[in-house]
N, C-alpha and C. Protein backbone atom coordinates (compact mmCIF):
# COMPACT_ATOMS: atom_id res chain seq x y z
N MET A 1 -44.00 -9.12 10.35
CA MET A 1 -43.48 -7.60 10.81
C MET A 1 -42.15 -7.33 10.26
N LEU A 2 -42.03 -6.32 9.43
CA LEU A 2 -40.66 -6.22 9.01
C LEU A 2 -39.90 -4.97 9.87
N CYS A 3 -38.71 -5.04 9.84
CA CYS A 3 -37.83 -4.32 10.72
C CYS A 3 -37.01 -3.45 9.70
N PRO A 4 -36.78 -2.19 10.17
CA PRO A 4 -35.88 -1.42 9.10
C PRO A 4 -34.74 -1.85 8.51
N LEU A 5 -34.16 -2.91 9.50
CA LEU A 5 -32.88 -3.59 9.11
C LEU A 5 -32.97 -4.54 8.09
N ASP A 6 -34.29 -5.01 7.87
CA ASP A 6 -34.62 -6.14 6.91
C ASP A 6 -34.35 -5.38 5.52
N SER A 7 -34.97 -4.18 5.29
CA SER A 7 -34.75 -3.58 4.16
C SER A 7 -33.21 -3.17 3.89
N LEU A 8 -32.55 -3.01 4.54
CA LEU A 8 -31.17 -2.67 4.42
C LEU A 8 -30.38 -3.92 3.89
N ARG A 9 -30.60 -5.11 4.80
CA ARG A 9 -30.07 -6.22 4.52
C ARG A 9 -30.48 -6.80 2.90
N GLU A 10 -31.65 -6.58 2.55
CA GLU A 10 -32.03 -6.63 1.19
C GLU A 10 -31.39 -5.93 0.04
N HIS A 11 -30.84 -4.96 0.51
CA HIS A 11 -30.41 -3.78 -0.63
C HIS A 11 -28.71 -3.56 -0.22
N LYS A 12 -28.20 -4.35 0.79
CA LYS A 12 -26.79 -4.03 1.10
C LYS A 12 -25.80 -3.89 0.04
N HIS A 13 -26.07 -4.63 -1.16
CA HIS A 13 -25.14 -4.75 -2.15
C HIS A 13 -25.30 -3.47 -3.09
N ASP A 14 -26.33 -3.02 -3.02
CA ASP A 14 -26.77 -1.59 -3.88
C ASP A 14 -25.99 -0.24 -2.73
N LEU A 15 -25.88 -0.68 -1.71
CA LEU A 15 -25.54 0.41 -0.80
C LEU A 15 -23.91 0.53 -0.36
N THR A 16 -23.29 -0.53 -1.09
CA THR A 16 -21.90 -0.92 -0.66
C THR A 16 -21.04 -0.45 -1.76
N ILE A 17 -19.72 0.22 -1.31
CA ILE A 17 -18.72 0.61 -2.08
C ILE A 17 -17.44 -0.16 -1.59
N LYS A 18 -16.97 -0.72 -2.47
CA LYS A 18 -15.69 -1.66 -2.04
C LYS A 18 -14.44 -0.98 -2.63
N SER A 19 -13.77 -0.71 -1.64
CA SER A 19 -12.45 -0.13 -1.88
C SER A 19 -11.51 -1.20 -2.54
N SER A 20 -10.77 -0.71 -3.43
CA SER A 20 -9.57 -1.87 -3.81
C SER A 20 -8.16 -0.83 -3.99
N ARG A 21 -7.50 -0.84 -2.88
CA ARG A 21 -6.37 0.02 -2.63
C ARG A 21 -5.26 -0.71 -3.62
N GLY A 22 -5.26 -2.15 -3.74
CA GLY A 22 -4.28 -2.70 -4.34
C GLY A 22 -4.26 -2.44 -6.02
N HIS A 23 -5.31 -2.04 -6.47
CA HIS A 23 -5.61 -1.98 -7.89
C HIS A 23 -6.02 -0.44 -8.29
N THR A 24 -5.40 0.51 -7.47
CA THR A 24 -5.61 1.80 -7.93
C THR A 24 -4.16 2.47 -8.08
N PRO A 25 -3.87 3.27 -9.03
CA PRO A 25 -2.46 3.99 -9.24
C PRO A 25 -2.50 5.05 -8.13
N ALA A 26 -3.28 5.50 -7.51
CA ALA A 26 -3.31 6.38 -6.33
C ALA A 26 -2.52 5.89 -5.08
N ASN A 27 -2.77 4.59 -5.07
CA ASN A 27 -2.16 3.82 -4.01
C ASN A 27 -0.67 4.12 -4.09
N VAL A 28 0.16 3.63 -5.07
CA VAL A 28 1.43 3.82 -5.17
C VAL A 28 1.91 5.28 -5.46
N GLN A 29 1.17 6.08 -5.77
CA GLN A 29 1.26 7.60 -6.03
C GLN A 29 1.52 8.40 -4.71
N ILE A 30 0.51 8.04 -3.99
CA ILE A 30 0.61 8.80 -2.61
C ILE A 30 2.08 8.35 -1.81
N HIS A 31 2.44 7.30 -1.99
CA HIS A 31 3.48 6.92 -1.39
C HIS A 31 4.88 7.46 -1.94
N ARG A 32 4.78 7.50 -3.48
CA ARG A 32 5.85 8.43 -4.20
C ARG A 32 6.00 9.93 -3.54
N GLU A 33 4.70 10.55 -3.46
CA GLU A 33 4.62 11.82 -3.28
C GLU A 33 4.81 12.18 -1.55
N THR A 34 4.58 11.20 -0.71
CA THR A 34 4.58 11.56 0.60
C THR A 34 5.75 10.76 1.43
N THR A 35 5.38 9.45 1.34
CA THR A 35 6.09 8.66 2.05
C THR A 35 7.74 8.66 1.85
N ALA A 36 8.02 8.33 0.44
CA ALA A 36 9.53 8.51 0.00
C ALA A 36 9.90 9.81 0.31
N GLU A 37 9.22 10.91 0.01
CA GLU A 37 9.88 12.29 0.34
C GLU A 37 10.04 12.69 1.81
N GLU A 38 9.24 11.94 2.60
CA GLU A 38 9.48 12.08 4.26
C GLU A 38 10.82 11.18 4.52
N ILE A 39 11.00 10.03 3.99
CA ILE A 39 12.03 9.20 4.26
C ILE A 39 13.37 9.93 3.83
N TRP A 40 13.33 10.32 2.44
CA TRP A 40 14.50 11.10 2.02
C TRP A 40 14.78 12.39 2.64
N SER A 41 13.90 13.11 3.08
CA SER A 41 14.05 14.32 4.08
C SER A 41 14.54 14.19 5.28
N ASP A 42 13.95 13.07 5.94
CA ASP A 42 14.47 12.87 7.46
C ASP A 42 15.73 12.30 7.51
N THR A 43 16.18 11.63 6.46
CA THR A 43 17.69 10.79 6.47
C THR A 43 18.74 12.00 5.70
N ASP A 44 18.29 12.88 5.22
CA ASP A 44 18.95 13.80 4.34
C ASP A 44 19.73 13.09 3.37
N GLY A 45 18.83 12.01 2.63
CA GLY A 45 19.26 11.49 1.51
C GLY A 45 20.34 10.34 1.67
N GLN A 46 20.42 10.17 3.16
CA GLN A 46 21.61 9.11 3.64
C GLN A 46 20.71 7.58 3.87
N VAL A 47 19.69 7.56 3.24
CA VAL A 47 18.94 6.26 3.47
C VAL A 47 19.66 5.15 2.52
N ASP A 48 19.91 3.92 2.80
CA ASP A 48 20.51 2.78 2.17
C ASP A 48 19.62 1.78 1.80
N MET A 49 18.51 1.49 2.82
CA MET A 49 17.61 0.36 2.41
C MET A 49 16.39 0.70 3.34
N VAL A 50 15.56 0.14 2.63
CA VAL A 50 14.00 0.19 3.35
C VAL A 50 13.51 -1.21 3.41
N VAL A 51 13.10 -1.70 4.71
CA VAL A 51 12.41 -2.99 5.00
C VAL A 51 10.72 -2.72 5.17
N ALA A 52 10.15 -3.26 4.44
CA ALA A 52 8.73 -3.07 4.39
C ALA A 52 7.75 -4.30 4.45
N GLY A 53 6.79 -4.45 5.08
CA GLY A 53 5.97 -5.55 5.10
C GLY A 53 5.00 -5.12 3.72
N ILE A 54 4.66 -6.30 3.33
CA ILE A 54 3.85 -6.36 1.99
C ILE A 54 2.50 -6.45 2.35
N GLY A 55 1.68 -5.52 1.77
CA GLY A 55 0.05 -5.65 1.96
C GLY A 55 -0.27 -5.59 0.46
N THR A 56 -0.66 -4.43 0.16
CA THR A 56 -1.16 -4.14 -1.30
C THR A 56 0.53 -3.76 -2.27
N GLY A 57 1.37 -3.62 -1.51
CA GLY A 57 2.72 -3.29 -2.31
C GLY A 57 2.89 -1.93 -2.64
N GLY A 58 1.79 -0.96 -2.38
CA GLY A 58 1.90 0.37 -2.60
C GLY A 58 2.87 0.99 -1.89
N THR A 59 3.20 0.79 -0.62
CA THR A 59 4.23 1.47 0.04
C THR A 59 5.70 1.30 -0.64
N ILE A 60 6.00 0.26 -0.67
CA ILE A 60 7.40 -0.28 -0.92
C ILE A 60 7.57 0.13 -2.55
N THR A 61 6.62 -0.20 -3.21
CA THR A 61 6.85 0.47 -4.62
C THR A 61 7.03 1.83 -4.89
N GLY A 62 6.24 2.43 -4.15
CA GLY A 62 6.26 4.22 -4.34
C GLY A 62 7.41 4.59 -3.73
N VAL A 63 7.98 4.13 -2.53
CA VAL A 63 9.13 4.33 -2.07
C VAL A 63 10.45 4.22 -2.62
N ALA A 64 10.42 2.95 -3.18
CA ALA A 64 11.35 2.58 -3.90
C ALA A 64 11.68 3.05 -5.17
N GLU A 65 10.80 3.49 -5.92
CA GLU A 65 10.72 4.22 -7.29
C GLU A 65 11.40 5.54 -7.17
N VAL A 66 10.84 6.28 -6.04
CA VAL A 66 11.55 7.59 -6.06
C VAL A 66 12.82 7.57 -5.38
N ILE A 67 13.25 6.89 -4.45
CA ILE A 67 14.68 6.75 -3.82
C ILE A 67 15.57 6.07 -4.72
N LYS A 68 15.33 5.05 -5.41
CA LYS A 68 16.31 4.33 -6.27
C LYS A 68 16.61 5.26 -7.49
N ALA A 69 15.58 5.96 -7.84
CA ALA A 69 16.12 7.04 -8.94
C ALA A 69 17.08 8.29 -8.37
N ARG A 70 16.98 8.49 -7.23
CA ARG A 70 17.90 9.53 -6.69
C ARG A 70 19.31 8.77 -6.17
N LYS A 71 19.27 7.44 -5.85
CA LYS A 71 20.37 6.70 -5.06
C LYS A 71 20.40 5.52 -5.81
N PRO A 72 20.82 4.90 -6.87
CA PRO A 72 21.01 3.81 -7.53
C PRO A 72 21.31 2.54 -6.58
N SER A 73 21.95 2.80 -5.36
CA SER A 73 22.58 1.67 -4.45
C SER A 73 21.56 1.36 -3.60
N PHE A 74 20.36 2.13 -3.66
CA PHE A 74 19.32 1.99 -2.46
C PHE A 74 18.63 0.58 -2.91
N GLN A 75 18.25 -0.23 -1.53
CA GLN A 75 17.73 -1.26 -1.77
C GLN A 75 16.30 -1.16 -1.02
N ALA A 76 15.31 -1.84 -1.57
CA ALA A 76 13.98 -1.97 -1.00
C ALA A 76 13.93 -3.73 -0.67
N ILE A 77 13.65 -3.77 0.55
CA ILE A 77 13.45 -5.28 1.12
C ILE A 77 11.72 -5.47 1.42
N ALA A 78 11.29 -6.46 0.69
CA ALA A 78 9.86 -6.84 0.95
C ALA A 78 9.64 -8.01 2.16
N VAL A 79 8.98 -7.71 3.00
CA VAL A 79 8.74 -8.88 3.89
C VAL A 79 7.33 -9.35 3.78
N GLU A 80 7.13 -10.52 3.68
CA GLU A 80 5.93 -11.03 3.46
C GLU A 80 5.29 -11.72 4.66
N PRO A 81 4.11 -11.26 5.25
CA PRO A 81 3.63 -11.94 6.41
C PRO A 81 3.11 -13.35 6.16
N ALA A 82 3.43 -14.25 7.02
CA ALA A 82 3.13 -15.62 7.00
C ALA A 82 1.59 -15.83 6.75
N SER A 83 0.75 -15.03 7.31
CA SER A 83 -0.63 -15.04 7.43
C SER A 83 -1.44 -14.41 6.13
N SER A 84 -0.37 -13.74 5.12
CA SER A 84 -0.83 -13.16 4.15
C SER A 84 0.01 -13.18 2.90
N PRO A 85 0.18 -14.35 2.43
CA PRO A 85 1.23 -14.77 1.32
C PRO A 85 0.87 -14.13 0.05
N VAL A 86 0.83 -12.81 -0.16
CA VAL A 86 0.44 -12.11 -1.42
C VAL A 86 1.55 -12.39 -2.36
N LEU A 87 2.95 -12.61 -2.21
CA LEU A 87 3.98 -12.86 -3.23
C LEU A 87 4.15 -14.39 -3.43
N SER A 88 4.26 -15.11 -2.55
CA SER A 88 4.38 -16.58 -2.64
C SER A 88 3.01 -17.32 -3.20
N GLY A 89 1.90 -16.67 -3.09
CA GLY A 89 0.71 -17.14 -3.50
C GLY A 89 0.20 -18.36 -2.56
N GLY A 90 0.32 -18.10 -1.27
CA GLY A 90 -0.23 -19.23 -0.53
C GLY A 90 -1.57 -19.18 -0.09
């Protein structure tokens, strides 16, 4: 006897879309256009540094690119979670 789920299980790879935020230019771009602008606006440009956890790197990259261009002394500090060593490669 076949269950409707059996058919889905057989074809799950045909029905699945895998997102890869870390490998799409839109990841960094959205943080350039939104997150960086929000930080800049909320601090009236008086931001000296941002500390951000690293996942895909999109947030810190987009934010740093925009703010550093406006304020060369700006620093972006990346924090790598011990359970997700994307920088140190553990």
